[in-house]
Amino acid sequence: MNTTSQIKKNLISRIKESKDINLLNALQTIFDSSEQTLFQLSSEQESAIEVGRNEIKNDQFFKNEEVISEMKQWLKKK
Protein backbone atom coordinates (compact mmCIF):
# COMPACT_ATOMS: atom_id res chain seq x y z
CA MET A 1 0.00 0.00 0.00
CA ASN A 2 1.31 3.43 -0.95
CA THR A 3 1.77 6.01 1.73
CA THR A 4 0.96 9.66 1.10
CA SER A 5 4.66 10.43 0.87
CA GLN A 6 5.26 7.71 -1.72
CA ILE A 7 2.30 8.86 -3.82
CA LYS A 8 3.53 12.47 -3.74
CA LYS A 9 7.05 11.46 -4.78
CA ASN A 10 5.68 9.32 -7.60
CA LEU A 11 3.40 12.11 -8.86
CA ILE A 12 6.14 14.74 -8.68
CA SER A 13 8.49 12.49 -10.65
CA ARG A 14 5.88 11.72 -13.31
CA ILE A 15 4.91 15.40 -13.64
CA LYS A 16 8.56 16.45 -14.02
CA GLU A 17 9.11 13.86 -16.75
CA SER A 18 5.87 14.49 -18.62
CA LYS A 19 5.88 16.38 -21.90
CA ASP A 20 2.13 15.84 -22.43
CA ILE A 21 0.62 19.34 -22.33
CA ASN A 22 -2.92 17.95 -22.15
CA LEU A 23 -2.07 15.91 -19.07
CA LEU A 24 -0.33 18.85 -17.42
CA ASN A 25 -3.27 21.15 -18.20
CA ALA A 26 -5.67 18.58 -16.76
CA LEU A 27 -3.62 18.32 -13.58
CA GLN A 28 -3.51 22.12 -13.32
CA THR A 29 -7.30 22.23 -13.65
CA ILE A 30 -7.70 19.59 -10.94
CA PHE A 31 -5.45 21.50 -8.57
CA ASP A 32 -7.12 24.83 -9.33
CA SER A 33 -10.62 23.47 -8.78
CA SER A 34 -9.70 21.71 -5.54
CA GLU A 35 -8.15 24.91 -4.16
CA GLN A 36 -11.23 26.94 -5.03
CA THR A 37 -13.54 24.64 -3.10
CA LEU A 38 -11.26 24.83 -0.07
CA PHE A 39 -11.65 28.59 0.19
CA GLN A 40 -15.22 29.08 -1.00
CA LEU A 41 -17.09 30.92 1.76
CA SER A 42 -20.78 31.35 2.28
CA SER A 43 -22.22 34.87 2.46
CA GLU A 44 -22.73 34.38 6.22
CA GLN A 45 -19.06 33.49 6.65
CA GLU A 46 -17.96 36.49 4.59
CA SER A 47 -20.20 38.74 6.71
CA ALA A 48 -18.80 37.31 9.95
CA ILE A 49 -15.25 37.90 8.72
CA GLU A 50 -16.12 41.50 7.82
CA VAL A 51 -17.65 42.06 11.29
CA GLY A 52 -14.49 40.66 12.90
CA ARG A 53 -12.24 42.86 10.79
CA ASN A 54 -14.27 45.94 11.72
CA GLU A 55 -14.10 45.02 15.40
CA ILE A 56 -10.32 44.71 15.18
CA LYS A 57 -10.09 48.02 13.30
CA ASN A 58 -12.13 49.70 16.07
CA ASP A 59 -10.19 48.04 18.93
CA GLN A 60 -13.26 46.08 20.00
CA PHE A 61 -11.48 42.91 21.06
CA PHE A 62 -9.71 41.29 24.00
CA LYS A 63 -6.11 40.15 23.94
CA ASN A 64 -5.58 36.44 24.47
CA GLU A 65 -3.77 37.04 27.77
CA GLU A 66 -6.74 39.05 29.08
CA VAL A 67 -9.18 36.30 28.21
CA ILE A 68 -7.03 33.61 29.84
CA SER A 69 -6.62 35.71 32.98
CA GLU A 70 -10.36 36.35 33.18
CA MET A 71 -11.14 32.65 32.69
CA LYS A 72 -8.69 31.66 35.43
CA GLN A 73 -10.36 34.09 37.83
CA TRP A 74 -13.80 32.79 36.89
CA LEU A 75 -12.68 29.17 37.42
CA LYS A 76 -11.31 30.02 40.88
CA LYS A 77 -14.79 31.19 41.90
CA LYS A 78 -16.32 27.83 40.95
PDB file of N, CA and C in Angstrom:
ATOM      1  N   MET A   1       0.851  -1.193   0.000  1.00  0.00           N
ATOM      2  CA  MET A   1       0.000   0.000   0.000  1.00  0.00           C
ATOM      3  C   MET A   1       0.886   1.242   0.000  1.00  0.00           C
ATOM      4  N   ASN A   2       0.537   2.196  -0.846  1.00  0.00           N
ATOM      5  CA  ASN A   2       1.313   3.429  -0.952  1.00  0.00           C
ATOM      6  C   ASN A   2       0.975   4.383   0.181  1.00  0.00           C
ATOM      7  N   THR A   3       1.996   4.971   0.737  1.00  0.00           N
ATOM      8  CA  THR A   3       1.774   6.012   1.725  1.00  0.00           C
ATOM      9  C   THR A   3       1.622   7.339   0.993  1.00  0.00           C
ATOM     10  N   THR A   4       1.123   8.330   1.689  1.00  0.00           N
ATOM     11  CA  THR A   4       0.958   9.659   1.095  1.00  0.00           C
ATOM     12  C   THR A   4       2.281  10.165   0.541  1.00  0.00           C
ATOM     13  N   SER A   5       3.346   9.967   1.292  1.00  0.00           N
ATOM     14  CA  SER A   5       4.662  10.434   0.872  1.00  0.00           C
ATOM     15  C   SER A   5       5.104   9.750  -0.422  1.00  0.00           C
ATOM     16  N   GLN A   6       4.873   8.454  -0.524  1.00  0.00           N
ATOM     17  CA  GLN A   6       5.260   7.714  -1.725  1.00  0.00           C
ATOM     18  C   GLN A   6       4.448   8.180  -2.933  1.00  0.00           C
ATOM     19  N   ILE A   7       3.161   8.400  -2.734  1.00  0.00           N
ATOM     20  CA  ILE A   7       2.296   8.858  -3.820  1.00  0.00           C
ATOM     21  C   ILE A   7       2.762  10.224  -4.309  1.00  0.00           C
ATOM     22  N   LYS A   8       3.064  11.134  -3.363  1.00  0.00           N
ATOM     23  CA  LYS A   8       3.527  12.469  -3.741  1.00  0.00           C
ATOM     24  C   LYS A   8       4.820  12.400  -4.548  1.00  0.00           C
ATOM     25  N   LYS A   9       5.774  11.589  -4.078  1.00  0.00           N
ATOM     26  CA  LYS A   9       7.051  11.465  -4.785  1.00  0.00           C
ATOM     27  C   LYS A   9       6.836  10.914  -6.188  1.00  0.00           C
ATOM     28  N   ASN A  10       5.970   9.923  -6.308  1.00  0.00           N
ATOM     29  CA  ASN A  10       5.683   9.325  -7.603  1.00  0.00           C
ATOM     30  C   ASN A  10       5.048  10.350  -8.544  1.00  0.00           C
ATOM     31  N   LEU A  11       4.062  11.093  -8.037  1.00  0.00           N
ATOM     32  CA  LEU A  11       3.400  12.107  -8.861  1.00  0.00           C
ATOM     33  C   LEU A  11       4.369  13.205  -9.293  1.00  0.00           C
ATOM     34  N   ILE A  12       5.171  13.685  -8.366  1.00  0.00           N
ATOM     35  CA  ILE A  12       6.143  14.737  -8.684  1.00  0.00           C
ATOM     36  C   ILE A  12       7.092  14.264  -9.781  1.00  0.00           C
ATOM     37  N   SER A  13       7.583  13.041  -9.651  1.00  0.00           N
ATOM     38  CA  SER A  13       8.491  12.486 -10.647  1.00  0.00           C
ATOM     39  C   SER A  13       7.820  12.387 -12.015  1.00  0.00           C
ATOM     40  N   ARG A  14       6.598  11.892 -12.035  1.00  0.00           N
ATOM     41  CA  ARG A  14       5.882  11.721 -13.308  1.00  0.00           C
ATOM     42  C   ARG A  14       5.552  13.084 -13.938  1.00  0.00           C
ATOM     43  N   ILE A  15       5.197  14.067 -13.110  1.00  0.00           N
ATOM     44  CA  ILE A  15       4.909  15.401 -13.638  1.00  0.00           C
ATOM     45  C   ILE A  15       6.170  16.026 -14.228  1.00  0.00           C
ATOM     46  N   LYS A  16       7.291  15.891 -13.523  1.00  0.00           N
ATOM     47  CA  LYS A  16       8.555  16.452 -14.024  1.00  0.00           C
ATOM     48  C   LYS A  16       8.950  15.846 -15.364  1.00  0.00           C
ATOM     49  N   GLU A  17       8.702  14.552 -15.530  1.00  0.00           N
ATOM     50  CA  GLU A  17       9.114  13.856 -16.752  1.00  0.00           C
ATOM     51  C   GLU A  17       8.125  14.032 -17.901  1.00  0.00           C
ATOM     52  N   SER A  18       6.907  14.425 -17.597  1.00  0.00           N
ATOM     53  CA  SER A  18       5.868  14.493 -18.623  1.00  0.00           C
ATOM     54  C   SER A  18       6.096  15.645 -19.591  1.00  0.00           C
ATOM     55  N   LYS A  19       5.840  15.358 -20.865  1.00  0.00           N
ATOM     56  CA  LYS A  19       5.877  16.383 -21.903  1.00  0.00           C
ATOM     57  C   LYS A  19       4.490  16.517 -22.528  1.00  0.00           C
ATOM     58  N   ASP A  20       3.505  15.838 -21.925  1.00  0.00           N
ATOM     59  CA  ASP A  20       2.132  15.837 -22.433  1.00  0.00           C
ATOM     60  C   ASP A  20       1.395  17.071 -21.899  1.00  0.00           C
ATOM     61  N   ILE A  21       1.235  18.078 -22.746  1.00  0.00           N
ATOM     62  CA  ILE A  21       0.621  19.339 -22.329  1.00  0.00           C
ATOM     63  C   ILE A  21      -0.823  19.141 -21.895  1.00  0.00           C
ATOM     64  N   ASN A  22      -1.528  18.204 -22.522  1.00  0.00           N
ATOM     65  CA  ASN A  22      -2.918  17.947 -22.145  1.00  0.00           C
ATOM     66  C   ASN A  22      -3.005  17.383 -20.730  1.00  0.00           C
ATOM     67  N   LEU A  23      -2.105  16.469 -20.418  1.00  0.00           N
ATOM     68  CA  LEU A  23      -2.070  15.905 -19.066  1.00  0.00           C
ATOM     69  C   LEU A  23      -1.738  16.985 -18.044  1.00  0.00           C
ATOM     70  N   LEU A  24      -0.743  17.794 -18.342  1.00  0.00           N
ATOM     71  CA  LEU A  24      -0.333  18.848 -17.415  1.00  0.00           C
ATOM     72  C   LEU A  24      -1.442  19.882 -17.230  1.00  0.00           C
ATOM     73  N   ASN A  25      -2.129  20.233 -18.313  1.00  0.00           N
ATOM     74  CA  ASN A  25      -3.270  21.153 -18.199  1.00  0.00           C
ATOM     75  C   ASN A  25      -4.385  20.545 -17.356  1.00  0.00           C
ATOM     76  N   ALA A  26      -4.637  19.254 -17.545  1.00  0.00           N
ATOM     77  CA  ALA A  26      -5.675  18.576 -16.764  1.00  0.00           C
ATOM     78  C   ALA A  26      -5.313  18.569 -15.283  1.00  0.00           C
ATOM     79  N   LEU A  27      -4.064  18.291 -14.984  1.00  0.00           N
ATOM     80  CA  LEU A  27      -3.621  18.317 -13.582  1.00  0.00           C
ATOM     81  C   LEU A  27      -3.741  19.719 -12.998  1.00  0.00           C
ATOM     82  N   GLN A  28      -3.382  20.733 -13.779  1.00  0.00           N
ATOM     83  CA  GLN A  28      -3.509  22.118 -13.317  1.00  0.00           C
ATOM     84  C   GLN A  28      -4.959  22.442 -13.000  1.00  0.00           C
ATOM     85  N   THR A  29      -5.877  22.003 -13.873  1.00  0.00           N
ATOM     86  CA  THR A  29      -7.303  22.229 -13.653  1.00  0.00           C
ATOM     87  C   THR A  29      -7.778  21.542 -12.386  1.00  0.00           C
ATOM     88  N   ILE A  30      -7.327  20.327 -12.153  1.00  0.00           N
ATOM     89  CA  ILE A  30      -7.702  19.592 -10.939  1.00  0.00           C
ATOM     90  C   ILE A  30      -7.231  20.344  -9.705  1.00  0.00           C
ATOM     91  N   PHE A  31      -5.967  20.771  -9.723  1.00  0.00           N
ATOM     92  CA  PHE A  31      -5.449  21.498  -8.565  1.00  0.00           C
ATOM     93  C   PHE A  31      -6.180  22.818  -8.358  1.00  0.00           C
ATOM     94  N   ASP A  32      -6.428  23.548  -9.438  1.00  0.00           N
ATOM     95  CA  ASP A  32      -7.122  24.831  -9.330  1.00  0.00           C
ATOM     96  C   ASP A  32      -8.525  24.653  -8.763  1.00  0.00           C
ATOM     97  N   SER A  33      -9.238  23.658  -9.239  1.00  0.00           N
ATOM     98  CA  SER A  33     -10.616  23.473  -8.777  1.00  0.00           C
ATOM     99  C   SER A  33     -10.659  22.992  -7.338  1.00  0.00           C
ATOM    100  N   SER A  34      -9.694  22.177  -6.926  1.00  0.00           N
ATOM    101  CA  SER A  34      -9.702  21.706  -5.542  1.00  0.00           C
ATOM    102  C   SER A  34      -9.349  22.837  -4.580  1.00  0.00           C
ATOM    103  N   GLU A  35      -8.498  23.763  -5.000  1.00  0.00           N
ATOM    104  CA  GLU A  35      -8.148  24.906  -4.159  1.00  0.00           C
ATOM    105  C   GLU A  35      -9.323  25.862  -4.023  1.00  0.00           C
ATOM    106  N   GLN A  36     -10.086  26.037  -5.080  1.00  0.00           N
ATOM    107  CA  GLN A  36     -11.231  26.940  -5.027  1.00  0.00           C
ATOM    108  C   GLN A  36     -12.277  26.441  -4.044  1.00  0.00           C
ATOM    109  N   THR A  37     -12.526  25.149  -4.011  1.00  0.00           N
ATOM    110  CA  THR A  37     -13.540  24.636  -3.097  1.00  0.00           C
ATOM    111  C   THR A  37     -13.070  24.726  -1.648  1.00  0.00           C
ATOM    112  N   LEU A  38     -11.764  24.714  -1.439  1.00  0.00           N
ATOM    113  CA  LEU A  38     -11.258  24.832  -0.071  1.00  0.00           C
ATOM    114  C   LEU A  38     -11.544  26.207   0.520  1.00  0.00           C
ATOM    115  N   PHE A  39     -11.535  27.234  -0.308  1.00  0.00           N
ATOM    116  CA  PHE A  39     -11.650  28.587   0.187  1.00  0.00           C
ATOM    117  C   PHE A  39     -12.951  29.268  -0.201  1.00  0.00           C
ATOM    118  N   GLN A  40     -13.933  28.502  -0.630  1.00  0.00           N
ATOM    119  CA  GLN A  40     -15.217  29.077  -1.005  1.00  0.00           C
ATOM    120  C   GLN A  40     -16.035  29.298   0.276  1.00  0.00           C
ATOM    121  N   LEU A  41     -16.377  30.551   0.543  1.00  0.00           N
ATOM    122  CA  LEU A  41     -17.094  30.915   1.760  1.00  0.00           C
ATOM    123  C   LEU A  41     -18.540  31.240   1.448  1.00  0.00           C
ATOM    124  N   SER A  42     -19.386  30.956   2.422  1.00  0.00           N
ATOM    125  CA  SER A  42     -20.785  31.348   2.276  1.00  0.00           C
ATOM    126  C   SER A  42     -20.901  32.842   2.557  1.00  0.00           C
ATOM    127  N   SER A  43     -22.035  33.433   2.209  1.00  0.00           N
ATOM    128  CA  SER A  43     -22.224  34.866   2.456  1.00  0.00           C
ATOM    129  C   SER A  43     -22.219  35.155   3.962  1.00  0.00           C
ATOM    130  N   GLU A  44     -22.738  34.204   4.757  1.00  0.00           N
ATOM    131  CA  GLU A  44     -22.727  34.383   6.215  1.00  0.00           C
ATOM    132  C   GLU A  44     -21.299  34.405   6.745  1.00  0.00           C
ATOM    133  N   GLN A  45     -20.443  33.521   6.211  1.00  0.00           N
ATOM    134  CA  GLN A  45     -19.057  33.490   6.652  1.00  0.00           C
ATOM    135  C   GLN A  45     -18.335  34.773   6.257  1.00  0.00           C
ATOM    136  N   GLU A  46     -18.580  35.240   5.037  1.00  0.00           N
ATOM    137  CA  GLU A  46     -17.956  36.490   4.593  1.00  0.00           C
ATOM    138  C   GLU A  46     -18.405  37.660   5.460  1.00  0.00           C
ATOM    139  N   SER A  47     -19.686  37.678   5.838  1.00  0.00           N
ATOM    140  CA  SER A  47     -20.204  38.738   6.712  1.00  0.00           C
ATOM    141  C   SER A  47     -19.555  38.677   8.084  1.00  0.00           C
ATOM    142  N   ALA A  48     -19.416  37.467   8.634  1.00  0.00           N
ATOM    143  CA  ALA A  48     -18.797  37.307   9.948  1.00  0.00           C
ATOM    144  C   ALA A  48     -17.342  37.761   9.926  1.00  0.00           C
ATOM    145  N   ILE A  49     -16.638  37.463   8.857  1.00  0.00           N
ATOM    146  CA  ILE A  49     -15.248  37.904   8.719  1.00  0.00           C
ATOM    147  C   ILE A  49     -15.187  39.428   8.664  1.00  0.00           C
ATOM    148  N   GLU A  50     -16.086  40.035   7.920  1.00  0.00           N
ATOM    149  CA  GLU A  50     -16.123  41.499   7.823  1.00  0.00           C
ATOM    150  C   GLU A  50     -16.414  42.132   9.182  1.00  0.00           C
ATOM    151  N   VAL A  51     -17.353  41.555   9.940  1.00  0.00           N
ATOM    152  CA  VAL A  51     -17.654  42.058  11.288  1.00  0.00           C
ATOM    153  C   VAL A  51     -16.407  41.980  12.155  1.00  0.00           C
ATOM    154  N   GLY A  52     -15.711  40.837  12.106  1.00  0.00           N
ATOM    155  CA  GLY A  52     -14.493  40.662  12.899  1.00  0.00           C
ATOM    156  C   GLY A  52     -13.409  41.660  12.521  1.00  0.00           C
ATOM    157  N   ARG A  53     -13.245  41.891  11.240  1.00  0.00           N
ATOM    158  CA  ARG A  53     -12.235  42.862  10.792  1.00  0.00           C
ATOM    159  C   ARG A  53     -12.573  44.267  11.273  1.00  0.00           C
ATOM    160  N   ASN A  54     -13.856  44.620  11.222  1.00  0.00           N
ATOM    161  CA  ASN A  54     -14.265  45.942  11.717  1.00  0.00           C
ATOM    162  C   ASN A  54     -14.054  46.065  13.220  1.00  0.00           C
ATOM    163  N   GLU A  55     -14.325  44.995  13.953  1.00  0.00           N
ATOM    164  CA  GLU A  55     -14.097  45.022  15.403  1.00  0.00           C
ATOM    165  C   GLU A  55     -12.619  45.224  15.712  1.00  0.00           C
ATOM    166  N   ILE A  56     -11.760  44.551  14.976  1.00  0.00           N
ATOM    167  CA  ILE A  56     -10.322  44.712  15.178  1.00  0.00           C
ATOM    168  C   ILE A  56      -9.908  46.138  14.840  1.00  0.00           C
ATOM    169  N   LYS A  57     -10.416  46.655  13.730  1.00  0.00           N
ATOM    170  CA  LYS A  57     -10.092  48.018  13.305  1.00  0.00           C
ATOM    171  C   LYS A  57     -10.498  49.040  14.362  1.00  0.00           C
ATOM    172  N   ASN A  58     -11.608  48.774  15.065  1.00  0.00           N
ATOM    173  CA  ASN A  58     -12.129  49.696  16.071  1.00  0.00           C
ATOM    174  C   ASN A  58     -11.714  49.322  17.498  1.00  0.00           C
ATOM    175  N   ASP A  59     -10.700  48.482  17.615  1.00  0.00           N
ATOM    176  CA  ASP A  59     -10.188  48.042  18.932  1.00  0.00           C
ATOM    177  C   ASP A  59     -11.274  47.446  19.819  1.00  0.00           C
ATOM    178  N   GLN A  60     -12.187  46.715  19.241  1.00  0.00           N
ATOM    179  CA  GLN A  60     -13.258  46.078  20.002  1.00  0.00           C
ATOM    180  C   GLN A  60     -12.962  44.590  20.161  1.00  0.00           C
ATOM    181  N   PHE A  61     -11.871  44.295  20.847  1.00  0.00           N
ATOM    182  CA  PHE A  61     -11.484  42.911  21.055  1.00  0.00           C
ATOM    183  C   PHE A  61     -10.682  42.804  22.345  1.00  0.00           C
ATOM    184  N   PHE A  62     -10.513  41.567  22.815  1.00  0.00           N
ATOM    185  CA  PHE A  62      -9.711  41.294  23.995  1.00  0.00           C
ATOM    186  C   PHE A  62      -8.452  40.555  23.570  1.00  0.00           C
ATOM    187  N   LYS A  63      -7.351  40.874  24.201  1.00  0.00           N
ATOM    188  CA  LYS A  63      -6.113  40.154  23.945  1.00  0.00           C
ATOM    189  C   LYS A  63      -6.219  38.773  24.581  1.00  0.00           C
ATOM    190  N   ASN A  64      -5.538  37.821  23.999  1.00  0.00           N
ATOM    191  CA  ASN A  64      -5.575  36.440  24.472  1.00  0.00           C
ATOM    192  C   ASN A  64      -5.209  36.345  25.954  1.00  0.00           C
ATOM    193  N   GLU A  65      -4.205  37.080  26.371  1.00  0.00           N
ATOM    194  CA  GLU A  65      -3.772  37.043  27.767  1.00  0.00           C
ATOM    195  C   GLU A  65      -4.885  37.513  28.698  1.00  0.00           C
ATOM    196  N   GLU A  66      -5.638  38.526  28.271  1.00  0.00           N
ATOM    197  CA  GLU A  66      -6.741  39.048  29.079  1.00  0.00           C
ATOM    198  C   GLU A  66      -7.834  37.998  29.247  1.00  0.00           C
ATOM    199  N   VAL A  67      -8.141  37.323  28.159  1.00  0.00           N
ATOM    200  CA  VAL A  67      -9.185  36.296  28.210  1.00  0.00           C
ATOM    201  C   VAL A  67      -8.760  35.150  29.118  1.00  0.00           C
ATOM    202  N   ILE A  68      -7.526  34.702  28.998  1.00  0.00           N
ATOM    203  CA  ILE A  68      -7.032  33.610  29.837  1.00  0.00           C
ATOM    204  C   ILE A  68      -7.061  34.013  31.296  1.00  0.00           C
ATOM    205  N   SER A  69      -6.620  35.218  31.608  1.00  0.00           N
ATOM    206  CA  SER A  69      -6.623  35.706  32.981  1.00  0.00           C
ATOM    207  C   SER A  69      -8.045  35.745  33.539  1.00  0.00           C
ATOM    208  N   GLU A  70      -8.965  36.265  32.754  1.00  0.00           N
ATOM    209  CA  GLU A  70     -10.362  36.352  33.179  1.00  0.00           C
ATOM    210  C   GLU A  70     -10.955  34.960  33.409  1.00  0.00           C
ATOM    211  N   MET A  71     -10.622  34.019  32.540  1.00  0.00           N
ATOM    212  CA  MET A  71     -11.143  32.655  32.694  1.00  0.00           C
ATOM    213  C   MET A  71     -10.577  31.989  33.943  1.00  0.00           C
ATOM    214  N   LYS A  72      -9.299  32.227  34.230  1.00  0.00           N
ATOM    215  CA  LYS A  72      -8.691  31.662  35.434  1.00  0.00           C
ATOM    216  C   LYS A  72      -9.376  32.206  36.684  1.00  0.00           C
ATOM    217  N   GLN A  73      -9.669  33.502  36.698  1.00  0.00           N
ATOM    218  CA  GLN A  73     -10.364  34.090  37.830  1.00  0.00           C
ATOM    219  C   GLN A  73     -11.763  33.526  37.975  1.00  0.00           C
ATOM    220  N   TRP A  74     -12.436  33.341  36.878  1.00  0.00           N
ATOM    221  CA  TRP A  74     -13.796  32.788  36.891  1.00  0.00           C
ATOM    222  C   TRP A  74     -13.778  31.351  37.411  1.00  0.00           C
ATOM    223  N   LEU A  75     -12.776  30.566  36.982  1.00  0.00           N
ATOM    224  CA  LEU A  75     -12.684  29.171  37.417  1.00  0.00           C
ATOM    225  C   LEU A  75     -12.383  29.064  38.921  1.00  0.00           C
ATOM    226  N   LYS A  76     -11.614  30.021  39.443  1.00  0.00           N
ATOM    227  CA  LYS A  76     -11.314  30.016  40.884  1.00  0.00           C
ATOM    228  C   LYS A  76     -12.573  30.211  41.713  1.00  0.00           C
ATOM    229  N   LYS A  77     -13.544  30.930  41.185  1.00  0.00           N
ATOM    230  CA  LYS A  77     -14.788  31.190  41.899  1.00  0.00           C
ATOM    231  C   LYS A  77     -15.692  29.963  41.930  1.00  0.00           C
ATOM    232  N   LYS A  78     -15.455  29.022  41.059  1.00  0.00           N
ATOM    233  CA  LYS A  78     -16.319  27.834  40.950  1.00  0.00           C
ATOM    234  C   LYS A  78     -15.998  26.816  42.012  1.00  0.00           C
TER     235      LYS A  78
END
